[in-house]
């Protein structure tokens, strides 16, 4: 498949950046947002594009199609790329599944949250029985900030390495070939479980943020997790979560990159030798990221509900104890007065309740 057009669905930081960046690579792009949020893109639509600033220069990039009509957005696109938060998977599946063709590649580009499985499950719930060509990356392909109200993008990093798998895994080679025309550095993961467990956000965000919750409240929006909240002691929490992540991955048949390796290989850290705290505190990319602005941030809510809750369930299925993961889920729920076990992503909600480990691995 020769990719000539990419439809970008999602009008946040990543989506706006992708629509502009891929246009600079010679691809035709369109940008779609759900009607409920489309007004956020009014300035970009009026100007016909965005000002893109990266390490080379600053230039205006035209985006000819900015729309809340999904059929218009995906028309003639070889790849339909969803650049959306995990909580929005089902909402986008509702509008996309009825109109996307079986020949179009659906690429979920963002923090992995079993989006492929959830997309297909939602489609089946709607009575749609297409053979979707769908794949998912473990993280976003950019370090970036977009300012929709100014039609401006500040792109600080094009990520150098990401894991990608299709659902089912037998389609990975074909879909990776298509997506690799968009981005360098995409490598095949073993399966969707591998992709999900290579999402570093549930490791880095909820535990250290929980330990900094008083500071986050007091700062009233003036908090910087990576340069002030990652300390000697919060790193201990991070590493404890990571050790359980490793054990789950091993039970599922693969080795997980550690926090330094993964971020160095993506381009966020300078090397794989310096210690984790120093790397976060001095990263040219991470030190520019402010937040979380409140304890209701996705750093808590999403990374616990669609990250750690599922990992805990995977640990149970694999016979791997997860006391630190479970502690963050419990304390995070207490902090926010929410039942993350009830509202979070589980094997039951994915349609895998009671499935043995060997079958869990085989099914995806």
Protein backbone atom coordinates (compact mmCIF):
# COMPACT_ATOMS: atom_id res chain seq x y z
CA UNK A 1 0.00 0.00 0.00
CA UNK A 2 1.30 3.42 -1.00
CA UNK A 3 0.19 6.05 1.53
CA UNK A 4 -0.73 9.37 -0.04
CA UNK A 5 -3.33 10.75 2.40
CA UNK A 6 -3.69 10.50 6.18
CA UNK A 7 -6.89 11.44 7.97
CA UNK A 8 -6.04 12.63 11.49
CA UNK A 9 -8.86 12.20 13.99
CA UNK A 10 -8.51 14.14 17.24
CA UNK A 11 -8.00 17.86 17.70
CA UNK A 12 -5.63 17.90 20.67
CA UNK A 13 -1.88 18.44 20.91
CA UNK A 14 -0.95 15.28 19.04
CA UNK A 15 -3.62 15.47 16.38
CA UNK A 16 -2.95 19.07 15.38
CA UNK A 17 0.78 18.35 15.34
CA UNK A 18 0.37 15.22 13.22
CA UNK A 19 -1.79 16.95 10.63
CA UNK A 20 0.86 19.65 10.19
CA UNK A 21 3.96 17.47 10.46
CA UNK A 22 2.79 14.82 7.99
CA UNK A 23 1.86 17.56 5.52
CA UNK A 24 5.50 18.73 5.61
CA UNK A 25 6.48 15.17 4.61
CA UNK A 26 4.51 15.50 1.39
CA UNK A 27 1.33 13.71 2.49
CA UNK A 28 -2.15 15.09 2.09
CA UNK A 29 -3.76 15.45 5.52
CA UNK A 30 -7.14 16.23 6.98
CA UNK A 31 -8.01 17.07 10.59
CA UNK A 32 -11.22 15.90 12.26
CA UNK A 33 -12.74 16.56 15.66
CA UNK A 34 -16.02 15.41 17.16
CA UNK A 35 -18.80 17.99 16.62
CA UNK A 36 -19.04 18.53 20.38
CA UNK A 37 -15.47 19.89 20.48
CA UNK A 38 -15.04 21.19 16.95
CA UNK A 39 -15.23 24.84 17.97
CA UNK A 40 -11.75 24.37 19.47
CA UNK A 41 -10.45 24.19 15.89
CA UNK A 42 -12.24 27.31 14.60
CA UNK A 43 -9.08 29.41 14.35
CA UNK A 44 -7.18 26.68 12.53
CA UNK A 45 -10.06 26.26 10.09
CA UNK A 46 -10.30 30.02 9.51
CA UNK A 47 -6.57 30.34 8.87
CA UNK A 48 -6.43 27.18 6.78
CA UNK A 49 -3.56 25.67 8.75
CA UNK A 50 -1.10 26.20 11.59
CA UNK A 51 2.25 27.79 12.30
CA UNK A 52 4.63 24.89 12.96
CA UNK A 53 7.76 25.52 14.99
CA UNK A 54 10.40 22.80 15.36
CA UNK A 55 14.18 22.56 15.71
CA UNK A 56 14.64 23.66 12.08
CA UNK A 57 12.48 26.72 11.64
CA UNK A 58 8.99 28.15 11.89
CA UNK A 59 6.64 28.04 8.92
CA UNK A 60 2.95 28.05 8.08
CA UNK A 61 1.58 24.63 7.11
CA UNK A 62 -1.68 24.45 5.23
CA UNK A 63 -4.31 21.92 6.35
CA UNK A 64 -6.92 22.07 3.62
CA UNK A 65 -9.60 19.99 5.33
CA UNK A 66 -10.51 20.81 8.93
CA UNK A 67 -13.90 19.29 9.63
CA UNK A 68 -16.39 17.66 11.99
CA UNK A 69 -17.70 15.46 9.17
CA UNK A 70 -15.93 12.12 9.52
CA UNK A 71 -16.79 10.91 6.02
CA UNK A 72 -15.27 14.06 4.53
CA UNK A 73 -12.17 13.62 6.68
CA UNK A 74 -11.43 9.99 5.74
CA UNK A 75 -12.34 10.21 2.05
CA UNK A 76 -9.49 8.77 -0.07
CA UNK A 77 -7.25 8.30 2.99
CA UNK A 78 -5.11 5.17 3.09
CA UNK A 79 -4.44 5.64 6.82
CA UNK A 80 -6.94 6.90 9.38
CA UNK A 81 -4.97 7.91 12.44
CA UNK A 82 -6.67 8.34 15.82
CA UNK A 83 -4.65 10.68 18.01
CA UNK A 84 -6.91 10.70 21.03
CA UNK A 85 -6.84 10.02 24.79
CA UNK A 86 -7.73 6.55 25.99
CA UNK A 87 -11.09 7.59 27.41
CA UNK A 88 -12.24 8.70 23.93
CA UNK A 89 -11.77 5.38 22.11
CA UNK A 90 -15.42 4.33 22.21
CA UNK A 91 -16.71 7.79 21.23
CA UNK A 92 -14.55 7.82 18.10
CA UNK A 93 -15.37 4.19 17.31
CA UNK A 94 -19.06 5.13 17.26
CA UNK A 95 -18.52 7.64 14.44
CA UNK A 96 -15.69 5.92 12.54
CA UNK A 97 -16.60 2.22 12.56
CA UNK A 98 -19.74 2.61 10.40
CA UNK A 99 -17.94 4.52 7.62
CA UNK A 100 -14.32 3.32 7.51
CA UNK A 101 -13.59 0.70 4.85
CA UNK A 102 -11.90 -2.64 5.40
CA UNK A 103 -9.03 -1.45 3.18
CA UNK A 104 -8.21 1.64 5.25
CA UNK A 105 -5.59 1.25 7.98
CA UNK A 106 -6.67 2.51 11.40
CA UNK A 107 -3.62 3.59 13.42
CA UNK A 108 -4.07 4.47 17.11
CA UNK A 109 -1.25 6.90 17.83
CA UNK A 110 -1.08 7.73 21.53
CA UNK A 111 -0.63 6.26 24.99
CA UNK A 112 -1.69 2.62 24.60
CA UNK A 113 -4.88 1.60 26.39
CA UNK A 114 -6.02 -1.55 24.52
CA UNK A 115 -7.60 0.81 22.01
CA UNK A 116 -7.67 -1.76 19.18
CA UNK A 117 -9.63 -4.28 21.20
CA UNK A 118 -11.97 -1.63 22.55
CA UNK A 119 -12.59 -0.18 19.07
CA UNK A 120 -13.47 -3.59 17.64
CA UNK A 121 -15.61 -4.47 20.65
CA UNK A 122 -17.57 -1.23 20.28
CA UNK A 123 -18.10 -1.89 16.59
CA UNK A 124 -19.39 -5.41 17.33
CA UNK A 125 -21.71 -3.95 19.99
CA UNK A 126 -23.09 -1.67 17.24
CA UNK A 127 -23.67 -4.66 14.97
CA UNK A 128 -20.74 -3.85 12.66
CA UNK A 129 -18.81 -6.98 11.65
CA UNK A 130 -16.03 -5.57 9.46
CA UNK A 131 -12.53 -7.03 9.32
CA UNK A 132 -10.81 -3.87 10.52
CA UNK A 133 -7.16 -3.25 9.68
CA UNK A 134 -6.28 -1.75 13.04
CA UNK A 135 -3.03 -1.26 14.95
CA UNK A 136 -1.78 0.65 17.98
CA UNK A 137 1.44 2.31 19.18
CA UNK A 138 2.61 2.29 22.78
CA UNK A 139 2.98 6.09 22.94
CA UNK A 140 2.53 9.27 20.93
CA UNK A 141 4.95 9.88 18.05
CA UNK A 142 5.68 13.43 19.27
CA UNK A 143 6.82 15.53 22.16
CA UNK A 144 4.70 18.58 21.40
CA UNK A 145 2.40 21.37 22.49
CA UNK A 146 -0.36 22.77 20.28
CA UNK A 147 -2.19 26.03 20.83
CA UNK A 148 -5.41 25.70 18.84
CA UNK A 149 -6.60 29.19 19.75
CA UNK A 150 -3.43 30.58 18.13
CA UNK A 151 -3.21 27.99 15.33
CA UNK A 152 0.33 27.24 16.50
CA UNK A 153 2.38 24.11 17.23
CA UNK A 154 5.64 23.88 19.18
CA UNK A 155 7.14 20.53 18.19
CA UNK A 156 10.09 19.60 20.42
CA UNK A 157 10.58 15.94 19.50
CA UNK A 158 9.79 13.47 16.74
CA UNK A 159 10.00 10.23 18.68
CA UNK A 160 12.71 7.87 17.45
CA UNK A 161 11.33 4.48 18.50
CA UNK A 162 7.86 3.14 19.24
CA UNK A 163 6.33 -0.32 19.44
CA UNK A 164 3.37 -1.12 17.18
CA UNK A 165 1.13 -4.18 16.96
CA UNK A 166 -2.01 -4.99 15.01
CA UNK A 167 -5.12 -6.66 16.33
CA UNK A 168 -4.97 -9.50 15.53
CA UNK A 169 -1.15 -9.78 15.59
CA UNK A 170 -1.06 -11.63 12.25
CA UNK A 171 -1.72 -8.26 10.55
CA UNK A 172 1.21 -6.47 12.21
CA UNK A 173 3.69 -6.77 9.32
CA UNK A 174 1.23 -5.41 6.74
CA UNK A 175 0.04 -2.48 8.86
CA UNK A 176 3.52 -1.64 10.10
CA UNK A 177 4.61 -1.29 6.47
CA UNK A 178 1.89 1.34 5.93
CA UNK A 179 2.53 3.25 9.16
CA UNK A 180 6.29 3.23 8.60
CA UNK A 181 5.68 5.44 5.57
CA UNK A 182 4.55 8.07 8.08
CA UNK A 183 7.16 7.66 10.81
CA UNK A 184 10.69 6.35 11.17
CA UNK A 185 11.46 4.13 14.13
CA UNK A 186 8.29 2.06 14.35
CA UNK A 187 9.10 -1.51 15.37
CA UNK A 188 6.91 -4.58 15.65
CA UNK A 189 5.71 -5.56 19.11
CA UNK A 190 4.81 -9.16 19.87
CA UNK A 191 1.13 -8.35 20.34
CA UNK A 192 -1.26 -5.80 21.83
CA UNK A 193 -0.41 -6.88 25.41
CA UNK A 194 3.22 -6.00 24.66
CA UNK A 195 2.20 -2.57 23.33
CA UNK A 196 0.03 -1.88 26.38
CA UNK A 197 2.74 -2.82 28.86
CA UNK A 198 5.27 -0.61 27.02
CA UNK A 199 3.12 2.46 27.78
CA UNK A 200 5.33 4.25 30.29
CA UNK A 201 2.72 6.68 31.61
CA UNK A 202 1.19 4.38 34.28
CA UNK A 203 4.73 3.90 35.65
CA UNK A 204 5.83 7.53 35.71
CA UNK A 205 2.65 9.51 36.36
CA UNK A 206 0.27 8.21 39.07
CA UNK A 207 2.73 7.13 41.80
CA UNK A 208 4.97 10.23 41.79
CA UNK A 209 1.95 12.50 41.29
CA UNK A 210 0.22 10.90 44.26
CA UNK A 211 3.28 11.65 46.40
CA UNK A 212 3.19 15.26 45.17
CA UNK A 213 -0.58 15.78 45.52
CA UNK A 214 -0.26 18.37 48.28
CA UNK A 215 2.20 20.37 46.21
CA UNK A 216 -0.07 20.11 43.17
CA UNK A 217 -3.02 21.46 45.19
CA UNK A 218 -0.96 24.25 46.75
CA UNK A 219 0.73 25.32 43.50
CA UNK A 220 -2.61 26.18 41.85
CA UNK A 221 -1.35 25.18 38.40
CA UNK A 222 2.33 26.01 38.85
CA UNK A 223 3.74 22.50 39.22
CA UNK A 224 6.38 20.77 37.08
CA UNK A 225 6.37 17.01 37.60
CA UNK A 226 9.50 16.13 35.69
CA UNK A 227 11.88 18.75 37.00
CA UNK A 228 10.59 19.13 40.57
CA UNK A 229 8.34 16.14 41.32
CA UNK A 230 10.68 13.34 40.23
CA UNK A 231 13.01 13.07 43.24
CA UNK A 232 15.09 10.45 44.98
CA UNK A 233 12.09 9.21 46.95
CA UNK A 234 9.36 9.45 44.32
CA UNK A 235 11.69 7.53 42.02
CA UNK A 236 11.51 4.68 44.54
CA UNK A 237 7.75 4.56 43.96
CA UNK A 238 8.25 4.67 40.21
CA UNK A 239 10.76 1.81 40.30
CA UNK A 240 8.47 -0.34 42.46
CA UNK A 241 5.67 0.00 39.89
CA UNK A 242 8.17 -0.74 37.13
CA UNK A 243 9.37 -3.95 38.77
CA UNK A 244 5.81 -5.29 38.76
CA UNK A 245 5.36 -4.16 35.15
CA UNK A 246 8.49 -6.18 34.24
CA UNK A 247 7.20 -9.28 36.01
CA UNK A 248 3.85 -9.12 34.21
CA UNK A 249 5.60 -8.66 30.87
CA UNK A 250 7.83 -11.66 31.53
CA UNK A 251 4.80 -13.81 32.35
CA UNK A 252 3.28 -12.76 29.02
CA UNK A 253 6.48 -13.68 27.16
CA UNK A 254 8.45 -10.49 26.59
CA UNK A 255 10.98 -8.15 28.17
CA UNK A 256 9.88 -4.56 28.89
CA UNK A 257 12.27 -1.65 28.38
CA UNK A 258 12.97 0.18 31.62
CA UNK A 259 12.17 3.84 32.20
CA UNK A 260 15.62 5.05 31.13
CA UNK A 261 15.98 2.74 28.14
CA UNK A 262 12.54 3.50 26.72
CA UNK A 263 12.86 7.27 26.99
CA UNK A 264 16.43 7.37 25.72
CA UNK A 265 15.47 5.27 22.72
CA UNK A 266 12.48 7.49 22.01
CA UNK A 267 14.69 10.59 22.21
CA UNK A 268 13.52 12.14 25.48
CA UNK A 269 16.75 11.34 27.38
CA UNK A 270 20.35 11.97 26.33
CA UNK A 271 21.63 8.46 26.97
CA UNK A 272 20.99 5.17 28.79
CA UNK A 273 23.76 5.61 31.36
CA UNK A 274 22.72 8.52 33.61
CA UNK A 275 20.33 7.83 36.47
CA UNK A 276 16.60 8.20 36.09
CA UNK A 277 16.05 11.18 38.37
CA UNK A 278 18.82 13.21 36.72
CA UNK A 279 17.51 12.37 33.26
CA UNK A 280 13.99 13.55 34.06
CA UNK A 281 15.17 16.66 35.93
CA UNK A 282 17.37 17.77 33.01
CA UNK A 283 15.59 16.46 29.89
CA UNK A 284 15.30 19.19 27.27
CA UNK A 285 11.84 17.89 26.40
CA UNK A 286 10.36 16.94 29.77
CA UNK A 287 11.51 20.06 31.62
CA UNK A 288 9.40 22.15 29.24
CA UNK A 289 6.22 20.29 30.22
CA UNK A 290 4.21 21.94 32.97
CA UNK A 291 1.76 20.04 35.12
CA UNK A 292 -0.29 18.25 36.13
CA UNK A 293 -2.33 21.35 36.84
CA UNK A 294 -4.64 19.58 39.30
CA UNK A 295 -5.18 16.23 40.97
CA UNK A 296 -8.03 15.58 38.52
CA UNK A 297 -5.51 15.48 35.69
CA UNK A 298 -5.22 12.53 33.31
CA UNK A 299 -1.88 11.83 35.03
CA UNK A 300 -4.03 10.46 37.84
CA UNK A 301 -7.37 9.52 36.30
CA UNK A 302 -6.50 7.99 32.94
CA UNK A 303 -3.20 6.41 33.92
CA UNK A 304 -4.82 4.68 36.88
CA UNK A 305 -8.15 3.71 35.30
CA UNK A 306 -6.95 2.51 31.88
CA UNK A 307 -3.39 1.71 32.95
CA UNK A 308 -2.76 0.41 36.43
CA UNK A 309 -6.20 -1.17 36.90
CA UNK A 310 -5.67 -3.30 33.80
CA UNK A 311 -2.09 -4.13 34.79
CA UNK A 312 -3.33 -5.32 38.17
CA UNK A 313 -5.83 -7.56 36.40
CA UNK A 314 -3.09 -8.89 34.11
CA UNK A 315 -0.98 -9.62 37.18
CA UNK A 316 -3.81 -11.63 38.69
CA UNK A 317 -4.26 -13.58 35.45
CA UNK A 318 -0.53 -14.30 35.29
CA UNK A 319 -0.09 -15.08 38.99
CA UNK A 320 2.13 -12.01 39.49
CA UNK A 321 1.68 -10.07 42.77
CA UNK A 322 1.18 -6.31 42.27
CA UNK A 323 1.14 -4.75 45.76
CA UNK A 324 2.58 -1.38 44.69
CA UNK A 325 0.29 -1.05 41.69
CA UNK A 326 -2.65 -1.95 43.90
CA UNK A 327 -1.61 0.60 46.53
CA UNK A 328 -1.54 3.44 44.00
CA UNK A 329 -4.96 2.41 42.67
CA UNK A 330 -6.40 2.39 46.20
CA UNK A 331 -4.79 5.62 47.41
CA UNK A 332 -5.52 7.39 44.11
CA UNK A 333 -9.17 6.45 44.50
CA UNK A 334 -9.20 7.69 48.07
CA UNK A 335 -7.52 10.94 47.03
CA UNK A 336 -10.09 11.65 44.33
CA UNK A 337 -13.06 9.89 45.98
CA UNK A 338 -13.46 7.58 42.98
CA UNK A 339 -13.69 3.81 42.63
CA UNK A 340 -11.06 3.15 39.98
CA UNK A 341 -11.56 -0.61 40.26
CA UNK A 342 -15.19 -0.15 39.29
CA UNK A 343 -14.72 2.43 36.55
CA UNK A 344 -11.36 1.24 35.21
CA UNK A 345 -10.38 -1.01 32.31
CA UNK A 346 -10.49 -4.71 33.19
CA UNK A 347 -10.20 -8.03 31.41
CA UNK A 348 -13.94 -8.49 31.94
CA UNK A 349 -14.72 -5.22 30.13
CA UNK A 350 -12.40 -6.26 27.29
CA UNK A 351 -14.28 -9.53 26.91
CA UNK A 352 -11.55 -11.71 28.42
CA UNK A 353 -13.09 -12.59 31.79
CA UNK A 354 -11.92 -15.97 33.06
CA UNK A 355 -9.59 -16.56 30.11
CA UNK A 356 -6.41 -18.49 30.95
CA UNK A 357 -3.04 -16.81 30.41
CA UNK A 358 -2.13 -18.96 27.41
CA UNK A 359 -5.44 -18.11 25.71
CA UNK A 360 -5.08 -14.41 26.55
CA UNK A 361 -1.79 -14.39 24.68
CA UNK A 362 -3.14 -16.43 21.76
CA UNK A 363 -6.29 -14.34 21.25
CA UNK A 364 -4.49 -11.11 20.39
